[in-house]
C-alpha atoms as a PDB file:
ATOM      1  CA  MET A   1     299.010 145.581  98.568  1.00  0.00           C
ATOM      2  CA  THR A   2     296.608 143.447 100.821  1.00  0.00           C
ATOM      3  CA  HIS A   3     293.882 145.117 102.929  1.00  0.00           C
ATOM      4  CA  TYR A   4     292.085 142.771 105.343  1.00  0.00           C
ATOM      5  CA  ALA A   5     288.474 143.463 106.229  1.00  0.00           C
ATOM      6  CA  MET A   6     285.437 141.528 107.773  1.00  0.00           C
ATOM      7  CA  VAL A   7     282.009 141.259 106.513  1.00  0.00           C
ATOM      8  CA  ILE A   8     279.413 140.016 109.019  1.00  0.00           C
ATOM      9  CA  ASP A   9     275.991 138.973 107.601  1.00  0.00           C
ATOM     10  CA  LEU A  10     273.434 139.685 110.416  1.00  0.00           C
ATOM     11  CA  ASN A  11     270.688 137.945 108.408  1.00  0.00           C
ATOM     12  CA  THR A  12     272.326 134.691 108.961  1.00  0.00           C
ATOM     13  CA  CYS A  13     273.871 135.094 112.493  1.00  0.00           C
ATOM     14  CA  VAL A  14     271.963 132.600 114.790  1.00  0.00           C
ATOM     15  CA  GLY A  15     273.382 133.965 117.955  1.00  0.00           C
ATOM     16  CA  CYS A  16     275.274 130.467 118.893  1.00  0.00           C
ATOM     17  CA  ASN A  17     278.237 132.477 120.367  1.00  0.00           C
ATOM     18  CA  ALA A  18     280.666 129.914 118.759  1.00  0.00           C
ATOM     19  CA  CYS A  19     282.704 132.956 117.656  1.00  0.00           C
ATOM     20  CA  MET A  20     283.122 134.076 121.043  1.00  0.00           C
ATOM     21  CA  ALA A  21     284.352 130.641 122.444  1.00  0.00           C
ATOM     22  CA  ALA A  22     286.610 130.198 119.387  1.00  0.00           C
ATOM     23  CA  CYS A  23     288.229 133.636 119.974  1.00  0.00           C
ATOM     24  CA  ALA A  24     288.609 133.353 123.596  1.00  0.00           C
ATOM     25  CA  MET A  25     290.378 129.944 123.287  1.00  0.00           C
ATOM     26  CA  GLU A  26     292.534 130.956 120.460  1.00  0.00           C
ATOM     27  CA  ASN A  27     293.601 134.335 121.887  1.00  0.00           C
ATOM     28  CA  GLN A  28     293.354 133.155 125.571  1.00  0.00           C
ATOM     29  CA  THR A  29     291.143 136.064 126.752  1.00  0.00           C
ATOM     30  CA  PRO A  30     289.689 136.697 130.379  1.00  0.00           C
ATOM     31  CA  VAL A  31     286.331 134.453 129.815  1.00  0.00           C
ATOM     32  CA  TRP A  32     285.768 134.921 133.444  1.00  0.00           C
ATOM     33  CA  ASP A  33     284.830 138.456 132.890  1.00  0.00           C
ATOM     34  CA  LYS A  34     281.895 138.982 130.456  1.00  0.00           C
ATOM     35  CA  ASN A  35     283.261 142.748 129.790  1.00  0.00           C
ATOM     36  CA  LYS A  36     286.650 141.424 128.426  1.00  0.00           C
ATOM     37  CA  TRP A  37     285.614 139.428 125.260  1.00  0.00           C
ATOM     38  CA  ARG A  38     287.454 140.458 122.165  1.00  0.00           C
ATOM     39  CA  THR A  39     284.176 139.922 120.310  1.00  0.00           C
ATOM     40  CA  TYR A  40     280.757 139.770 121.859  1.00  0.00           C
ATOM     41  CA  VAL A  41     277.325 138.952 120.199  1.00  0.00           C
ATOM     42  CA  HIS A  42     274.310 141.290 121.266  1.00  0.00           C
ATOM     43  CA  ASP A  43     271.149 139.691 121.642  1.00  0.00           C
ATOM     44  CA  LYS A  44     268.368 142.363 120.787  1.00  0.00           C
ATOM     45  CA  GLU A  45     264.763 142.597 119.889  1.00  0.00           C
ATOM     46  CA  ILE A  46     263.671 145.274 117.498  1.00  0.00           C
ATOM     47  CA  GLY A  47     260.268 146.433 116.336  1.00  0.00           C
ATOM     48  CA  LEU A  48     257.016 147.411 117.998  1.00  0.00           C
ATOM     49  CA  GLY A  49     253.983 145.401 119.255  1.00  0.00           C
ATOM     50  CA  SER A  50     253.485 142.304 117.219  1.00  0.00           C
ATOM     51  CA  ASP A  51     256.193 143.436 114.640  1.00  0.00           C
ATOM     52  CA  VAL A  52     259.239 142.344 116.783  1.00  0.00           C
ATOM     53  CA  GLN A  53     262.215 140.442 115.707  1.00  0.00           C
ATOM     54  CA  ARG A  54     265.158 138.933 117.524  1.00  0.00           C
ATOM     55  CA  ARG A  55     268.527 140.055 115.878  1.00  0.00           C
ATOM     56  CA  PHE A  56     272.011 139.047 116.886  1.00  0.00           C
ATOM     57  CA  PHE A  57     274.793 141.841 116.529  1.00  0.00           C
ATOM     58  CA  PRO A  58     278.407 140.680 116.766  1.00  0.00           C
ATOM     59  CA  ARG A  59     280.837 143.387 117.698  1.00  0.00           C
ATOM     60  CA  LEU A  60     284.602 143.611 117.584  1.00  0.00           C
ATOM     61  CA  CYS A  61     287.434 145.946 116.800  1.00  0.00           C
ATOM     62  CA  ASN A  62     286.990 147.706 113.518  1.00  0.00           C
ATOM     63  CA  HIS A  63     290.558 147.822 112.390  1.00  0.00           C
ATOM     64  CA  CYS A  64     290.007 151.325 111.224  1.00  0.00           C
ATOM     65  CA  ASP A  65     292.132 153.076 108.535  1.00  0.00           C
ATOM     66  CA  ASN A  66     292.106 156.178 110.497  1.00  0.00           C
ATOM     67  CA  PRO A  67     292.104 154.546 114.263  1.00  0.00           C
ATOM     68  CA  PRO A  68     291.638 157.173 116.957  1.00  0.00           C
ATOM     69  CA  CYS A  69     293.094 154.576 119.431  1.00  0.00           C
ATOM     70  CA  MET A  70     296.358 154.907 117.728  1.00  0.00           C
ATOM     71  CA  THR A  71     296.585 158.691 117.646  1.00  0.00           C
ATOM     72  CA  VAL A  72     295.892 159.098 121.383  1.00  0.00           C
ATOM     73  CA  CYS A  73     298.404 156.253 122.564  1.00  0.00           C
ATOM     74  CA  PRO A  74     301.100 157.944 124.450  1.00  0.00           C
ATOM     75  CA  THR A  75     303.580 154.959 123.992  1.00  0.00           C
ATOM     76  CA  GLY A  76     303.116 153.775 120.460  1.00  0.00           C
ATOM     77  CA  ALA A  77     301.814 150.515 121.733  1.00  0.00           C
ATOM     78  CA  THR A  78     298.889 150.808 119.246  1.00  0.00           C
ATOM     79  CA  GLN A  79     300.228 149.906 115.984  1.00  0.00           C
ATOM     80  CA  LYS A  80     298.927 149.359 112.442  1.00  0.00           C
ATOM     81  CA  LYS A  81     300.369 146.941 110.011  1.00  0.00           C
ATOM     82  CA  ALA A  82     300.492 147.385 106.285  1.00  0.00           C
ATOM     83  CA  ASN A  83     297.727 145.095 105.655  1.00  0.00           C
ATOM     84  CA  GLY A  84     295.450 147.225 107.603  1.00  0.00           C
ATOM     85  CA  ILE A  85     295.295 144.928 111.017  1.00  0.00           C
ATOM     86  CA  VAL A  86     295.491 147.277 114.072  1.00  0.00           C
ATOM     87  CA  PHE A  87     297.221 145.595 117.025  1.00  0.00           C
ATOM     88  CA  VAL A  88     298.558 146.152 120.301  1.00  0.00           C
ATOM     89  CA  ASP A  89     302.205 145.546 121.445  1.00  0.00           C
ATOM     90  CA  GLN A  90     301.836 144.338 124.980  1.00  0.00           C
ATOM     91  CA  ASP A  91     305.437 145.317 125.949  1.00  0.00           C
ATOM     92  CA  LEU A  92     304.882 148.850 124.994  1.00  0.00           C
ATOM     93  CA  CYS A  93     301.384 149.184 126.501  1.00  0.00           C
ATOM     94  CA  MET A  94     301.193 150.791 129.863  1.00  0.00           C
ATOM     95  CA  GLY A  95     297.514 150.197 130.386  1.00  0.00           C
ATOM     96  CA  CYS A  96     296.376 153.751 130.617  1.00  0.00           C
ATOM     97  CA  GLY A  97     293.281 153.320 128.777  1.00  0.00           C
ATOM     98  CA  ALA A  98     293.419 156.249 126.582  1.00  0.00           C
ATOM     99  CA  CYS A  99     292.745 154.048 123.749  1.00  0.00           C
ATOM    100  CA  ALA A 100     289.546 152.687 125.199  1.00  0.00           C
ATOM    101  CA  MET A 101     288.129 155.923 125.569  1.00  0.00           C
ATOM    102  CA  ALA A 102     288.894 157.145 122.188  1.00  0.00           C
ATOM    103  CA  CYS A 103     287.480 154.107 120.609  1.00  0.00           C
ATOM    104  CA  PRO A 104     283.853 154.808 119.251  1.00  0.00           C
ATOM    105  CA  TYR A 105     283.079 151.157 118.887  1.00  0.00           C
ATOM    106  CA  HIS A 106     284.170 150.284 122.528  1.00  0.00           C
ATOM    107  CA  ALA A 107     286.328 147.496 121.431  1.00  0.00           C
ATOM    108  CA  ARG A 108     289.172 147.798 124.056  1.00  0.00           C
ATOM    109  CA  VAL A 109     289.396 146.123 127.243  1.00  0.00           C
ATOM    110  CA  PRO A 110     292.324 145.903 130.186  1.00  0.00           C
ATOM    111  CA  VAL A 111     293.950 142.855 130.895  1.00  0.00           C
ATOM    112  CA  THR A 112     295.275 143.058 134.496  1.00  0.00           C
ATOM    113  CA  ARG A 113     297.552 141.064 136.454  1.00  0.00           C
ATOM    114  CA  ARG A 114     294.952 139.395 138.287  1.00  0.00           C
ATOM    115  CA  ASP A 115     293.660 138.424 134.925  1.00  0.00           C
ATOM    116  CA  MET A 116     296.930 137.004 134.032  1.00  0.00           C
ATOM    117  CA  ARG A 117     297.091 134.852 137.181  1.00  0.00           C
ATOM    118  CA  GLU A 118     293.566 133.594 136.389  1.00  0.00           C
ATOM    119  CA  GLY A 119     294.747 132.906 132.809  1.00  0.00           C
ATOM    120  CA  ARG A 120     297.666 130.797 133.978  1.00  0.00           C
ATOM    121  CA  GLU A 121     295.478 128.713 136.075  1.00  0.00           C
ATOM    122  CA  PHE A 122     292.757 128.538 133.150  1.00  0.00           C
ATOM    123  CA  TYR A 123     294.797 127.853 130.171  1.00  0.00           C
ATOM    124  CA  GLY A 124     297.695 126.244 132.026  1.00  0.00           C
ATOM    125  CA  SER A 125     301.359 125.829 130.849  1.00  0.00           C
ATOM    126  CA  ASP A 126     300.546 127.113 127.166  1.00  0.00           C
ATOM    127  CA  TYR A 127     299.423 130.650 128.538  1.00  0.00           C
ATOM    128  CA  ARG A 128     301.245 133.137 126.192  1.00  0.00           C
ATOM    129  CA  ARG A 129     300.465 136.732 127.663  1.00  0.00           C
ATOM    130  CA  SER A 130     303.828 138.229 129.112  1.00  0.00           C
ATOM    131  CA  SER A 131     302.503 141.565 130.677  1.00  0.00           C
ATOM    132  CA  PRO A 132     299.189 143.425 131.391  1.00  0.00           C
ATOM    133  CA  SER A 133     297.874 145.748 128.729  1.00  0.00           C
ATOM    134  CA  MET A 134     294.927 146.723 126.905  1.00  0.00           C
ATOM    135  CA  ASP A 135     293.544 144.276 124.646  1.00  0.00           C
ATOM    136  CA  LYS A 136     291.334 144.015 121.487  1.00  0.00           C
ATOM    137  CA  CYS A 137     290.824 141.896 118.554  1.00  0.00           C
ATOM    138  CA  SER A 138     293.783 141.334 116.319  1.00  0.00           C
ATOM    139  CA  PHE A 139     291.884 139.573 113.395  1.00  0.00           C
ATOM    140  CA  CYS A 140     293.976 136.596 114.549  1.00  0.00           C
ATOM    141  CA  ASP A 141     297.107 137.881 112.601  1.00  0.00           C
ATOM    142  CA  HIS A 142     299.163 135.033 113.831  1.00  0.00           C
ATOM    143  CA  LEU A 143     296.595 132.690 111.984  1.00  0.00           C
ATOM    144  CA  VAL A 144     296.488 135.076 108.898  1.00  0.00           C
ATOM    145  CA  GLU A 145     299.929 134.964 108.542  1.00  0.00           C
ATOM    146  CA  GLN A 146     299.904 131.172 108.314  1.00  0.00           C
ATOM    147  CA  GLY A 147     297.368 131.582 105.563  1.00  0.00           C
ATOM    148  CA  ARG A 148     294.228 131.006 107.804  1.00  0.00           C
ATOM    149  CA  LYS A 149     291.356 133.022 108.746  1.00  0.00           C
ATOM    150  CA  PRO A 150     290.485 134.565 112.126  1.00  0.00           C
ATOM    151  CA  ALA A 151     289.171 131.977 114.502  1.00  0.00           C
ATOM    152  CA  CYS A 152     285.771 133.487 114.753  1.00  0.00           C
ATOM    153  CA  VAL A 153     285.376 133.161 110.902  1.00  0.00           C
ATOM    154  CA  GLU A 154     286.637 129.643 110.788  1.00  0.00           C
ATOM    155  CA  THR A 155     284.130 128.651 113.479  1.00  0.00           C
ATOM    156  CA  CYS A 156     280.975 130.611 112.380  1.00  0.00           C
ATOM    157  CA  VAL A 157     278.336 127.806 111.794  1.00  0.00           C
ATOM    158  CA  GLY A 158     276.081 130.204 109.835  1.00  0.00           C
ATOM    159  CA  SER A 159     279.154 131.500 107.562  1.00  0.00           C
ATOM    160  CA  SER A 160     278.023 134.801 108.811  1.00  0.00           C
ATOM    161  CA  ARG A 161     281.640 135.979 109.211  1.00  0.00           C
ATOM    162  CA  MET A 162     283.765 136.513 106.169  1.00  0.00           C
ATOM    163  CA  PHE A 163     287.289 137.556 106.060  1.00  0.00           C
ATOM    164  CA  GLY A 164     289.178 138.928 102.880  1.00  0.00           C
ATOM    165  CA  ASP A 165     291.269 141.359 101.078  1.00  0.00           C
ATOM    166  CA  LEU A 166     289.541 144.515  99.980  1.00  0.00           C
ATOM    167  CA  ASP A 167     292.380 145.107  97.344  1.00  0.00           C
ATOM    168  CA  ASP A 168     291.398 141.987  95.578  1.00  0.00           C
ATOM    169  CA  PRO A 169     288.466 142.704  93.167  1.00  0.00           C
ATOM    170  CA  ASN A 170     287.966 138.998  92.741  1.00  0.00           C
ATOM    171  CA  ASP A 171     287.425 138.661  96.625  1.00  0.00           C
ATOM    172  CA  PRO A 172     283.827 138.232  97.633  1.00  0.00           C
ATOM    173  CA  VAL A 173     284.491 140.365 100.605  1.00  0.00           C
ATOM    174  CA  ALA A 174     285.725 143.172  98.430  1.00  0.00           C
ATOM    175  CA  GLN A 175     282.659 142.734  95.995  1.00  0.00           C
ATOM    176  CA  MET A 176     280.139 142.934  98.715  1.00  0.00           C
ATOM    177  CA  VAL A 177     281.629 146.093 100.133  1.00  0.00           C
ATOM    178  CA  ALA A 178     282.283 147.736  96.738  1.00  0.00           C
ATOM    179  CA  SER A 179     278.466 146.806  95.868  1.00  0.00           C
ATOM    180  CA  GLY A 180     277.129 148.659  98.966  1.00  0.00           C
ATOM    181  CA  ALA A 181     275.429 145.317 100.076  1.00  0.00           C
ATOM    182  CA  ALA A 182     277.994 145.467 103.274  1.00  0.00           C
ATOM    183  CA  ARG A 183     278.127 148.616 105.216  1.00  0.00           C
ATOM    184  CA  ALA A 184     280.314 150.066 108.119  1.00  0.00           C
ATOM    185  CA  LEU A 185     279.262 151.319 111.370  1.00  0.00           C
ATOM    186  CA  MET A 186     279.152 155.022 111.834  1.00  0.00           C
ATOM    187  CA  PRO A 187     281.054 155.940 108.631  1.00  0.00           C
ATOM    188  CA  HIS A 188     280.193 159.550 109.392  1.00  0.00           C
ATOM    189  CA  ILE A 189     282.891 160.080 112.077  1.00  0.00           C
ATOM    190  CA  GLY A 190     285.982 159.484 109.869  1.00  0.00           C
ATOM    191  CA  THR A 191     287.490 156.595 111.316  1.00  0.00           C
ATOM    192  CA  ARG A 192     287.141 154.457 108.054  1.00  0.00           C
ATOM    193  CA  PRO A 193     286.396 151.137 109.673  1.00  0.00           C
ATOM    194  CA  ASN A 194     287.236 147.726 108.038  1.00  0.00           C
ATOM    195  CA  VAL A 195     284.330 145.607 109.598  1.00  0.00           C
ATOM    196  CA  TYR A 196     281.145 145.681 107.474  1.00  0.00           C
ATOM    197  CA  TYR A 197     277.589 144.454 108.229  1.00  0.00           C
ATOM    198  CA  ILE A 198     274.935 143.252 105.720  1.00  0.00           C
ATOM    199  CA  ASP A 199     271.446 143.682 107.110  1.00  0.00           C
ATOM    200  CA  ASP A 200     267.940 144.137 105.661  1.00  0.00           C
ATOM    201  CA  ILE A 201     266.901 146.058 108.720  1.00  0.00           C
ATOM    202  CA  ARG A 202     268.270 149.376 109.803  1.00  0.00           C
ATOM    203  CA  TRP A 203     269.983 148.624 113.165  1.00  0.00           C
ATOM    204  CA  ARG A 204     269.036 150.796 116.180  1.00  0.00           C
ATOM    205  CA  GLY A 205     271.222 149.683 119.157  1.00  0.00           C
END
């Protein structure tokens, strides 16, 4: 059984934001609102005095194995595929925002009718969204179904983002996770996320 996951190497992320641009164009997200990107790269300084380093920290939906966003959804719009990808059925979502409140990774955003109007103007006749709903990273499941990788992975100039199958012991992503080199965010809360990070420095956001 395929079980998709992403590994992000914070040591090679250069903060170019190509992942953000690729995601926005591929998924037609509201680029006019800085709070509605599916993925976002935080730019942080860590350390004290002369020992300060600049670090870039990409964030996105963690596609949890135990997703709290799914259990609180009153309409069943948030669903999980057998391959581990969590997605939102736009036609079932009523935009109540319960999933956004439940998500500990702050990975849910609302797409409104106003956003849709601006989207049709910005993206033109190819604009695909049919109704307002909550929105999130989908690991570009439409690309994955074609044998490709998520847009953010394909465009990453530093090869910081890696995508693979945790159930394949020969997959580099599975090997990095199994070795402990790649670690999940907040594993203690029991969501069992499927986005992992490699970093030599303890992150304090």
